[in-house]
Amino acid sequence: MFCISVVFDIHPGHERAFGLAVQRNARRSLDEEPGCRVFDVCVDDSGQRFLLYELYDDEPAFQAHLAAPHFKVFDAEVGPWVAAKSVRRWRRLDR
């Protein structure tokens, strides 16, 4: 499995809009992308930092996610609201 974690820091005043947009993106990723297995969205107590935890079958499935029309719409929509973004790639240790 191919794992991605993304941390977004959101500019004040845009937390609610970002939360709705990222949840919509997560649902569409799970519904429309066969290689997307997990797409969890978490938020810290401040409401301004979001963590995305995503599992894909493999790296090509993740690349397909980045090329998906719904992801491109999400990325363009939230770009102005993002103060900082950190992406990490992981490999899940199979049990």
N, C-alpha and C. Protein backbone atom coordinates (compact mmCIF):
# COMPACT_ATOMS: atom_id res chain seq x y z
N MET A 1 0.83 -1.19 0.00
CA MET A 1 0.00 0.00 0.00
C MET A 1 0.88 1.25 0.00
N PHE A 2 0.38 2.26 -0.66
CA PHE A 2 1.07 3.54 -0.78
C PHE A 2 0.30 4.55 0.07
N CYS A 3 0.99 5.21 0.96
CA CYS A 3 0.35 6.10 1.93
C CYS A 3 0.83 7.53 1.75
N ILE A 4 -0.10 8.44 1.88
CA ILE A 4 0.19 9.87 1.82
C ILE A 4 -0.41 10.53 3.06
N SER A 5 0.37 11.41 3.67
CA SER A 5 -0.21 12.28 4.70
C SER A 5 0.01 13.71 4.24
N VAL A 6 -1.01 14.51 4.43
CA VAL A 6 -0.94 15.92 4.05
C VAL A 6 -1.42 16.74 5.25
N VAL A 7 -0.66 17.75 5.61
CA VAL A 7 -1.08 18.69 6.65
C VAL A 7 -1.28 20.05 5.99
N PHE A 8 -2.46 20.59 6.18
CA PHE A 8 -2.81 21.92 5.68
C PHE A 8 -2.98 22.86 6.87
N ASP A 9 -2.36 24.02 6.82
CA ASP A 9 -2.65 25.12 7.73
C ASP A 9 -3.48 26.13 6.94
N ILE A 10 -4.64 26.47 7.46
CA ILE A 10 -5.61 27.29 6.74
C ILE A 10 -5.65 28.70 7.32
N HIS A 11 -5.71 29.68 6.41
CA HIS A 11 -5.84 31.08 6.85
C HIS A 11 -7.12 31.25 7.67
N PRO A 12 -7.07 32.05 8.73
CA PRO A 12 -8.27 32.31 9.53
C PRO A 12 -9.42 32.81 8.66
N GLY A 13 -10.60 32.32 9.00
CA GLY A 13 -11.80 32.72 8.27
C GLY A 13 -12.18 31.77 7.15
N HIS A 14 -11.31 30.83 6.82
CA HIS A 14 -11.58 29.91 5.71
C HIS A 14 -11.70 28.46 6.16
N GLU A 15 -11.70 28.23 7.47
CA GLU A 15 -11.70 26.87 7.99
C GLU A 15 -12.95 26.09 7.56
N ARG A 16 -14.11 26.69 7.69
CA ARG A 16 -15.35 25.98 7.35
C ARG A 16 -15.40 25.64 5.87
N ALA A 17 -15.09 26.60 5.02
CA ALA A 17 -15.12 26.36 3.58
C ALA A 17 -14.11 25.28 3.20
N PHE A 18 -12.92 25.33 3.80
CA PHE A 18 -11.92 24.31 3.51
C PHE A 18 -12.41 22.94 3.96
N GLY A 19 -12.97 22.87 5.17
CA GLY A 19 -13.48 21.60 5.68
C GLY A 19 -14.51 20.98 4.77
N LEU A 20 -15.43 21.77 4.27
CA LEU A 20 -16.45 21.25 3.35
C LEU A 20 -15.82 20.79 2.04
N ALA A 21 -14.89 21.57 1.51
CA ALA A 21 -14.25 21.22 0.24
C ALA A 21 -13.41 19.96 0.36
N VAL A 22 -12.68 19.82 1.45
CA VAL A 22 -11.81 18.65 1.60
C VAL A 22 -12.64 17.38 1.85
N GLN A 23 -13.75 17.50 2.55
CA GLN A 23 -14.62 16.34 2.74
C GLN A 23 -15.25 15.91 1.41
N ARG A 24 -15.63 16.87 0.60
CA ARG A 24 -16.19 16.56 -0.73
C ARG A 24 -15.14 15.86 -1.58
N ASN A 25 -13.90 16.35 -1.54
CA ASN A 25 -12.82 15.73 -2.30
C ASN A 25 -12.56 14.30 -1.81
N ALA A 26 -12.58 14.09 -0.51
CA ALA A 26 -12.35 12.76 0.05
C ALA A 26 -13.43 11.79 -0.41
N ARG A 27 -14.70 12.21 -0.33
CA ARG A 27 -15.81 11.33 -0.76
C ARG A 27 -15.68 10.96 -2.23
N ARG A 28 -15.40 11.95 -3.06
CA ARG A 28 -15.29 11.67 -4.50
C ARG A 28 -14.09 10.78 -4.79
N SER A 29 -13.00 10.96 -4.07
CA SER A 29 -11.83 10.11 -4.26
C SER A 29 -12.18 8.66 -3.97
N LEU A 30 -12.86 8.43 -2.86
CA LEU A 30 -13.25 7.06 -2.50
C LEU A 30 -14.28 6.49 -3.46
N ASP A 31 -15.22 7.30 -3.92
CA ASP A 31 -16.28 6.83 -4.81
C ASP A 31 -15.82 6.61 -6.24
N GLU A 32 -14.90 7.44 -6.72
CA GLU A 32 -14.58 7.45 -8.14
C GLU A 32 -13.22 6.87 -8.50
N GLU A 33 -12.37 6.65 -7.51
CA GLU A 33 -11.02 6.16 -7.80
C GLU A 33 -10.86 4.74 -7.25
N PRO A 34 -10.79 3.74 -8.14
CA PRO A 34 -10.70 2.36 -7.66
C PRO A 34 -9.47 2.08 -6.80
N GLY A 35 -8.38 2.80 -7.00
CA GLY A 35 -7.16 2.56 -6.25
C GLY A 35 -7.06 3.30 -4.93
N CYS A 36 -8.06 4.12 -4.61
CA CYS A 36 -8.08 4.87 -3.34
C CYS A 36 -8.84 4.04 -2.31
N ARG A 37 -8.15 3.60 -1.28
CA ARG A 37 -8.74 2.70 -0.27
C ARG A 37 -9.17 3.40 1.01
N VAL A 38 -8.43 4.43 1.41
CA VAL A 38 -8.73 5.17 2.64
C VAL A 38 -8.46 6.64 2.36
N PHE A 39 -9.36 7.50 2.83
CA PHE A 39 -9.14 8.94 2.73
C PHE A 39 -9.78 9.58 3.96
N ASP A 40 -9.00 9.67 5.02
CA ASP A 40 -9.49 10.24 6.27
C ASP A 40 -9.11 11.71 6.37
N VAL A 41 -10.02 12.50 6.89
CA VAL A 41 -9.79 13.93 7.10
C VAL A 41 -9.95 14.21 8.59
N CYS A 42 -8.93 14.81 9.19
CA CYS A 42 -8.95 15.15 10.62
C CYS A 42 -8.62 16.63 10.77
N VAL A 43 -9.06 17.20 11.89
CA VAL A 43 -8.77 18.60 12.18
C VAL A 43 -8.35 18.71 13.64
N ASP A 44 -7.41 19.61 13.91
CA ASP A 44 -6.95 19.77 15.30
C ASP A 44 -7.90 20.71 16.06
N ASP A 45 -7.60 20.90 17.33
CA ASP A 45 -8.48 21.70 18.19
C ASP A 45 -8.58 23.16 17.77
N SER A 46 -7.57 23.68 17.09
CA SER A 46 -7.62 25.07 16.65
C SER A 46 -8.60 25.27 15.50
N GLY A 47 -8.87 24.19 14.78
CA GLY A 47 -9.74 24.27 13.61
C GLY A 47 -9.04 24.77 12.36
N GLN A 48 -7.76 25.11 12.48
CA GLN A 48 -7.03 25.66 11.34
C GLN A 48 -6.03 24.69 10.73
N ARG A 49 -5.76 23.58 11.40
CA ARG A 49 -4.82 22.59 10.86
C ARG A 49 -5.58 21.30 10.57
N PHE A 50 -5.45 20.85 9.32
CA PHE A 50 -6.13 19.64 8.85
C PHE A 50 -5.09 18.59 8.47
N LEU A 51 -5.39 17.35 8.81
CA LEU A 51 -4.55 16.21 8.45
C LEU A 51 -5.34 15.30 7.52
N LEU A 52 -4.75 14.97 6.39
CA LEU A 52 -5.33 13.99 5.48
C LEU A 52 -4.47 12.74 5.52
N TYR A 53 -5.11 11.59 5.67
CA TYR A 53 -4.43 10.30 5.67
C TYR A 53 -5.05 9.50 4.53
N GLU A 54 -4.23 9.19 3.52
CA GLU A 54 -4.73 8.55 2.31
C GLU A 54 -3.96 7.27 2.03
N LEU A 55 -4.68 6.20 1.69
CA LEU A 55 -4.05 4.94 1.29
C LEU A 55 -4.49 4.59 -0.12
N TYR A 56 -3.51 4.25 -0.94
CA TYR A 56 -3.74 3.87 -2.34
C TYR A 56 -3.12 2.49 -2.58
N ASP A 57 -3.62 1.82 -3.60
CA ASP A 57 -3.07 0.51 -3.95
C ASP A 57 -1.58 0.59 -4.24
N ASP A 58 -1.19 1.66 -4.93
CA ASP A 58 0.21 1.83 -5.34
C ASP A 58 0.42 3.27 -5.79
N GLU A 59 1.64 3.61 -6.16
CA GLU A 59 1.92 4.99 -6.58
C GLU A 59 1.15 5.38 -7.85
N PRO A 60 1.00 4.49 -8.85
CA PRO A 60 0.18 4.88 -10.00
C PRO A 60 -1.27 5.25 -9.61
N ALA A 61 -1.83 4.60 -8.62
CA ALA A 61 -3.17 4.97 -8.16
C ALA A 61 -3.17 6.37 -7.56
N PHE A 62 -2.10 6.72 -6.85
CA PHE A 62 -1.99 8.07 -6.31
C PHE A 62 -1.83 9.09 -7.44
N GLN A 63 -1.04 8.77 -8.44
CA GLN A 63 -0.87 9.67 -9.58
C GLN A 63 -2.20 9.87 -10.30
N ALA A 64 -3.01 8.80 -10.38
CA ALA A 64 -4.35 8.92 -10.98
C ALA A 64 -5.21 9.88 -10.15
N HIS A 65 -5.06 9.84 -8.84
CA HIS A 65 -5.79 10.76 -7.96
C HIS A 65 -5.42 12.21 -8.29
N LEU A 66 -4.12 12.47 -8.43
CA LEU A 66 -3.67 13.84 -8.73
C LEU A 66 -4.17 14.33 -10.09
N ALA A 67 -4.42 13.39 -11.01
CA ALA A 67 -4.89 13.75 -12.35
C ALA A 67 -6.42 13.81 -12.44
N ALA A 68 -7.11 13.38 -11.40
CA ALA A 68 -8.58 13.32 -11.43
C ALA A 68 -9.16 14.74 -11.50
N PRO A 69 -10.19 14.92 -12.32
CA PRO A 69 -10.81 16.25 -12.43
C PRO A 69 -11.28 16.82 -11.09
N HIS A 70 -11.86 15.99 -10.25
CA HIS A 70 -12.36 16.50 -8.96
C HIS A 70 -11.21 16.98 -8.07
N PHE A 71 -10.03 16.34 -8.16
CA PHE A 71 -8.89 16.81 -7.37
C PHE A 71 -8.41 18.16 -7.90
N LYS A 72 -8.36 18.32 -9.20
CA LYS A 72 -7.91 19.59 -9.78
C LYS A 72 -8.83 20.74 -9.37
N VAL A 73 -10.13 20.48 -9.35
CA VAL A 73 -11.09 21.49 -8.90
C VAL A 73 -10.84 21.83 -7.43
N PHE A 74 -10.68 20.81 -6.60
CA PHE A 74 -10.40 21.02 -5.17
C PHE A 74 -9.14 21.84 -4.98
N ASP A 75 -8.06 21.45 -5.64
CA ASP A 75 -6.77 22.11 -5.48
C ASP A 75 -6.86 23.60 -5.85
N ALA A 76 -7.55 23.90 -6.94
CA ALA A 76 -7.70 25.30 -7.36
C ALA A 76 -8.59 26.08 -6.38
N GLU A 77 -9.65 25.42 -5.90
CA GLU A 77 -10.58 26.09 -5.00
C GLU A 77 -9.92 26.47 -3.67
N VAL A 78 -9.16 25.55 -3.09
CA VAL A 78 -8.63 25.79 -1.74
C VAL A 78 -7.30 26.52 -1.73
N GLY A 79 -6.63 26.60 -2.86
CA GLY A 79 -5.31 27.22 -2.91
C GLY A 79 -5.19 28.54 -2.17
N PRO A 80 -6.11 29.49 -2.39
CA PRO A 80 -6.00 30.78 -1.72
C PRO A 80 -6.20 30.71 -0.20
N TRP A 81 -6.80 29.64 0.28
CA TRP A 81 -7.08 29.52 1.71
C TRP A 81 -5.93 28.89 2.49
N VAL A 82 -4.96 28.32 1.77
CA VAL A 82 -3.90 27.53 2.40
C VAL A 82 -2.71 28.42 2.77
N ALA A 83 -2.39 28.44 4.07
CA ALA A 83 -1.22 29.18 4.55
C ALA A 83 0.04 28.35 4.41
N ALA A 84 -0.07 27.04 4.62
CA ALA A 84 1.07 26.12 4.51
C ALA A 84 0.55 24.72 4.22
N LYS A 85 1.38 23.94 3.54
CA LYS A 85 1.00 22.57 3.18
C LYS A 85 2.25 21.70 3.23
N SER A 86 2.12 20.54 3.86
CA SER A 86 3.23 19.59 3.95
C SER A 86 2.73 18.22 3.50
N VAL A 87 3.41 17.62 2.53
CA VAL A 87 3.04 16.31 2.00
C VAL A 87 4.15 15.32 2.31
N ARG A 88 3.80 14.18 2.86
CA ARG A 88 4.77 13.11 3.14
C ARG A 88 4.28 11.83 2.48
N ARG A 89 5.22 11.09 1.90
CA ARG A 89 4.92 9.79 1.31
C ARG A 89 5.39 8.71 2.27
N TRP A 90 4.60 7.65 2.38
CA TRP A 90 4.89 6.56 3.29
C TRP A 90 4.65 5.23 2.58
N ARG A 91 5.20 4.20 3.14
CA ARG A 91 4.92 2.85 2.67
C ARG A 91 4.41 2.08 3.88
N ARG A 92 3.20 1.54 3.76
CA ARG A 92 2.63 0.80 4.88
C ARG A 92 3.35 -0.53 5.03
N LEU A 93 3.69 -0.87 6.26
CA LEU A 93 4.26 -2.18 6.54
C LEU A 93 3.12 -3.17 6.62
N ASP A 94 3.11 -4.12 5.71
CA ASP A 94 2.03 -5.11 5.74
C ASP A 94 2.18 -6.01 6.94
N ARG A 95 1.05 -6.39 7.45
CA ARG A 95 1.02 -7.22 8.66
C ARG A 95 1.38 -8.65 8.34
